[in-house]
C-alpha atoms as a PDB file:
ATOM      1  CA  MET A   1       0.000   0.000   0.000  1.00  0.00           C
ATOM      2  CA  PRO A   2       1.493   3.379  -0.973  1.00  0.00           C
ATOM      3  CA  PRO A   3       1.963   6.164   1.555  1.00  0.00           C
ATOM      4  CA  ALA A   4      -1.078   8.418   1.913  1.00  0.00           C
ATOM      5  CA  THR A   5      -1.439  12.169   2.035  1.00  0.00           C
ATOM      6  CA  ALA A   6      -3.461  14.129   4.554  1.00  0.00           C
ATOM      7  CA  ARG A   7      -6.634  13.472   2.527  1.00  0.00           C
ATOM      8  CA  SER A   8      -6.043   9.698   2.590  1.00  0.00           C
ATOM      9  CA  ARG A   9      -5.247   9.544  -1.124  1.00  0.00           C
ATOM     10  CA  PRO A  10      -2.192   7.683  -2.393  1.00  0.00           C
ATOM     11  CA  ILE A  11       0.638  10.015  -3.373  1.00  0.00           C
ATOM     12  CA  TRP A  12       1.477   7.887  -6.433  1.00  0.00           C
ATOM     13  CA  ALA A  13      -0.458   8.564  -9.608  1.00  0.00           C
ATOM     14  CA  SER A  14      -2.623   5.867 -11.159  1.00  0.00           C
ATOM     15  CA  PHE A  15      -3.102   7.833 -14.411  1.00  0.00           C
ATOM     16  CA  SER A  16      -0.483   8.719 -17.002  1.00  0.00           C
ATOM     17  CA  VAL A  17      -0.048  10.100 -20.523  1.00  0.00           C
ATOM     18  CA  ILE A  18       1.890   8.499 -23.388  1.00  0.00           C
ATOM     19  CA  ASP A  19       3.135  10.132 -26.557  1.00  0.00           C
ATOM     20  CA  SER A  20       5.937   9.716 -29.044  1.00  0.00           C
ATOM     21  CA  GLN A  21       8.320  12.097 -30.720  1.00  0.00           C
ATOM     22  CA  SER A  22      10.477  11.550 -33.794  1.00  0.00           C
ATOM     23  CA  VAL A  23      13.842  13.330 -33.709  1.00  0.00           C
ATOM     24  CA  LYS A  24      16.639  13.623 -36.221  1.00  0.00           C
ATOM     25  CA  SER A  25      19.825  11.766 -35.388  1.00  0.00           C
ATOM     26  CA  ALA A  26      23.391  12.510 -36.395  1.00  0.00           C
ATOM     27  CA  ASP A  27      25.217  10.589 -39.088  1.00  0.00           C
ATOM     28  CA  THR A  28      27.417   9.085 -36.387  1.00  0.00           C
ATOM     29  CA  VAL A  29      24.436   7.110 -35.046  1.00  0.00           C
ATOM     30  CA  GLY A  30      24.436   3.550 -36.367  1.00  0.00           C
ATOM     31  CA  ARG A  31      22.024   2.713 -39.204  1.00  0.00           C
ATOM     32  CA  ASP A  32      20.528  -0.185 -37.231  1.00  0.00           C
ATOM     33  CA  SER A  33      19.162   2.217 -34.599  1.00  0.00           C
ATOM     34  CA  ARG A  34      17.876   4.827 -37.079  1.00  0.00           C
ATOM     35  CA  GLY A  35      14.799   4.694 -39.274  1.00  0.00           C
ATOM     36  CA  TYR A  36      12.591   6.869 -41.449  1.00  0.00           C
ATOM     37  CA  ASP A  37       9.294   8.193 -40.115  1.00  0.00           C
ATOM     38  CA  ALA A  38       7.305   8.752 -43.315  1.00  0.00           C
ATOM     39  CA  GLY A  39       4.504  10.620 -41.534  1.00  0.00           C
ATOM     40  CA  LYS A  40       6.829  13.292 -40.167  1.00  0.00           C
ATOM     41  CA  LYS A  41       9.514  12.915 -42.886  1.00  0.00           C
ATOM     42  CA  ILE A  42      12.311  12.484 -40.346  1.00  0.00           C
ATOM     43  CA  ASN A  43      15.278  10.129 -40.515  1.00  0.00           C
ATOM     44  CA  GLY A  44      16.280   9.336 -36.952  1.00  0.00           C
ATOM     45  CA  ARG A  45      14.868   7.871 -33.769  1.00  0.00           C
ATOM     46  CA  LYS A  46      11.519   7.833 -32.002  1.00  0.00           C
ATOM     47  CA  ARG A  47      11.017   8.363 -28.262  1.00  0.00           C
ATOM     48  CA  SER A  48       7.973   6.906 -26.540  1.00  0.00           C
ATOM     49  CA  ILE A  49       7.514   8.881 -23.325  1.00  0.00           C
ATOM     50  CA  ILE A  50       5.179   8.164 -20.414  1.00  0.00           C
ATOM     51  CA  THR A  51       4.573  10.914 -17.860  1.00  0.00           C
ATOM     52  CA  ASP A  52       2.334  11.093 -14.839  1.00  0.00           C
ATOM     53  CA  THR A  53      -0.465  13.648 -14.587  1.00  0.00           C
ATOM     54  CA  LEU A  54       1.954  16.254 -13.205  1.00  0.00           C
ATOM     55  CA  GLY A  55       4.227  15.865 -16.228  1.00  0.00           C
ATOM     56  CA  LEU A  56       6.947  14.002 -14.348  1.00  0.00           C
ATOM     57  CA  LEU A  57       8.811  11.396 -16.378  1.00  0.00           C
ATOM     58  CA  VAL A  58       7.891   7.741 -15.733  1.00  0.00           C
ATOM     59  CA  THR A  59       9.565   5.845 -18.609  1.00  0.00           C
ATOM     60  CA  VAL A  60      11.261   6.520 -21.940  1.00  0.00           C
ATOM     61  CA  THR A  61      11.796   4.037 -24.773  1.00  0.00           C
ATOM     62  CA  VAL A  62      14.014   4.941 -27.740  1.00  0.00           C
ATOM     63  CA  LEU A  63      13.603   3.063 -31.036  1.00  0.00           C
ATOM     64  CA  ALA A  64      14.209   3.602 -34.726  1.00  0.00           C
ATOM     65  CA  ALA A  65      11.815   6.201 -36.166  1.00  0.00           C
ATOM     66  CA  SER A  66      10.382   3.616 -38.571  1.00  0.00           C
ATOM     67  CA  TRP A  67       8.516   1.883 -35.717  1.00  0.00           C
ATOM     68  CA  GLN A  68       4.809   2.605 -35.348  1.00  0.00           C
ATOM     69  CA  ASP A  69       3.747   4.492 -32.200  1.00  0.00           C
ATOM     70  CA  ARG A  70       1.706   1.574 -30.873  1.00  0.00           C
ATOM     71  CA  ASP A  71       4.562  -0.918 -31.349  1.00  0.00           C
ATOM     72  CA  GLY A  72       7.019   1.243 -29.425  1.00  0.00           C
ATOM     73  CA  ALA A  73       4.422   1.845 -26.730  1.00  0.00           C
ATOM     74  CA  LYS A  74       4.291  -1.829 -25.774  1.00  0.00           C
ATOM     75  CA  THR A  75       7.798  -1.718 -24.304  1.00  0.00           C
ATOM     76  CA  ALA A  76       7.206   1.619 -22.581  1.00  0.00           C
ATOM     77  CA  LEU A  77       3.897   0.460 -21.092  1.00  0.00           C
ATOM     78  CA  LEU A  78       5.390  -2.802 -19.845  1.00  0.00           C
ATOM     79  CA  SER A  79       8.189  -0.867 -18.126  1.00  0.00           C
ATOM     80  CA  ALA A  80       5.716   1.511 -16.504  1.00  0.00           C
ATOM     81  CA  TYR A  81       3.461  -1.345 -15.412  1.00  0.00           C
ATOM     82  CA  MET A  82       6.343  -3.170 -13.721  1.00  0.00           C
ATOM     83  CA  VAL A  83       7.765  -0.220 -11.750  1.00  0.00           C
ATOM     84  CA  THR A  84       4.743   1.971 -10.930  1.00  0.00           C
ATOM     85  CA  PRO A  85       1.138   1.534  -9.811  1.00  0.00           C
ATOM     86  CA  ILE A  86      -0.066   3.312 -12.986  1.00  0.00           C
ATOM     87  CA  ARG A  87      -3.040   1.473 -14.473  1.00  0.00           C
ATOM     88  CA  TYR A  88      -4.752   4.043 -16.740  1.00  0.00           C
ATOM     89  CA  VAL A  89      -2.981   5.633 -19.696  1.00  0.00           C
ATOM     90  CA  PHE A  90      -4.257   8.461 -21.898  1.00  0.00           C
ATOM     91  CA  ALA A  91      -3.053   8.293 -25.518  1.00  0.00           C
ATOM     92  CA  ASP A  92      -3.794   9.987 -28.829  1.00  0.00           C
ATOM     93  CA  GLN A  93      -5.051   8.257 -31.978  1.00  0.00           C
ATOM     94  CA  GLY A  94      -1.536   7.265 -33.067  1.00  0.00           C
ATOM     95  CA  PHE A  95      -1.711   4.441 -30.548  1.00  0.00           C
ATOM     96  CA  THR A  96      -4.943   2.818 -31.800  1.00  0.00           C
ATOM     97  CA  GLY A  97      -4.959  -0.577 -33.439  1.00  0.00           C
ATOM     98  CA  ARG A  98      -3.468  -3.762 -32.081  1.00  0.00           C
ATOM     99  CA  LEU A  99      -2.311  -2.094 -28.862  1.00  0.00           C
ATOM    100  CA  ILE A 100      -5.843  -1.199 -27.721  1.00  0.00           C
ATOM    101  CA  ASP A 101      -8.068  -3.600 -29.660  1.00  0.00           C
END
C-alpha cells in the first residue's frame, strides 16, 4: 500500500499520458538504430515517453523512427506497469490498433 497524504489519497499517480516524438539523429548514429518516419519525414529515432499527470517522467523508450507508435508503446507500457502503480494511460489516436483492440 502506498503512503497516503493528509486526505487519505495515495501520493502515487494511477493515471499517465503516453506520446511519441520523432527526432533527427546525427550521421554518427548507427544505421541499425535509425529509421525513417514517413509521416513526419524524419530520418532518426523515435522516443515513446510516459509521464504522470503532473508531467513528471515515468519511462522513456528509444527506437528507430520507422517503428509505429503503438509498437514502441508496448515496451514503454510494460516498463511503466512493472515499476509503478499506474493502471490508466491516456493516448492519442496514433496508438490505436493492435495495442488497444
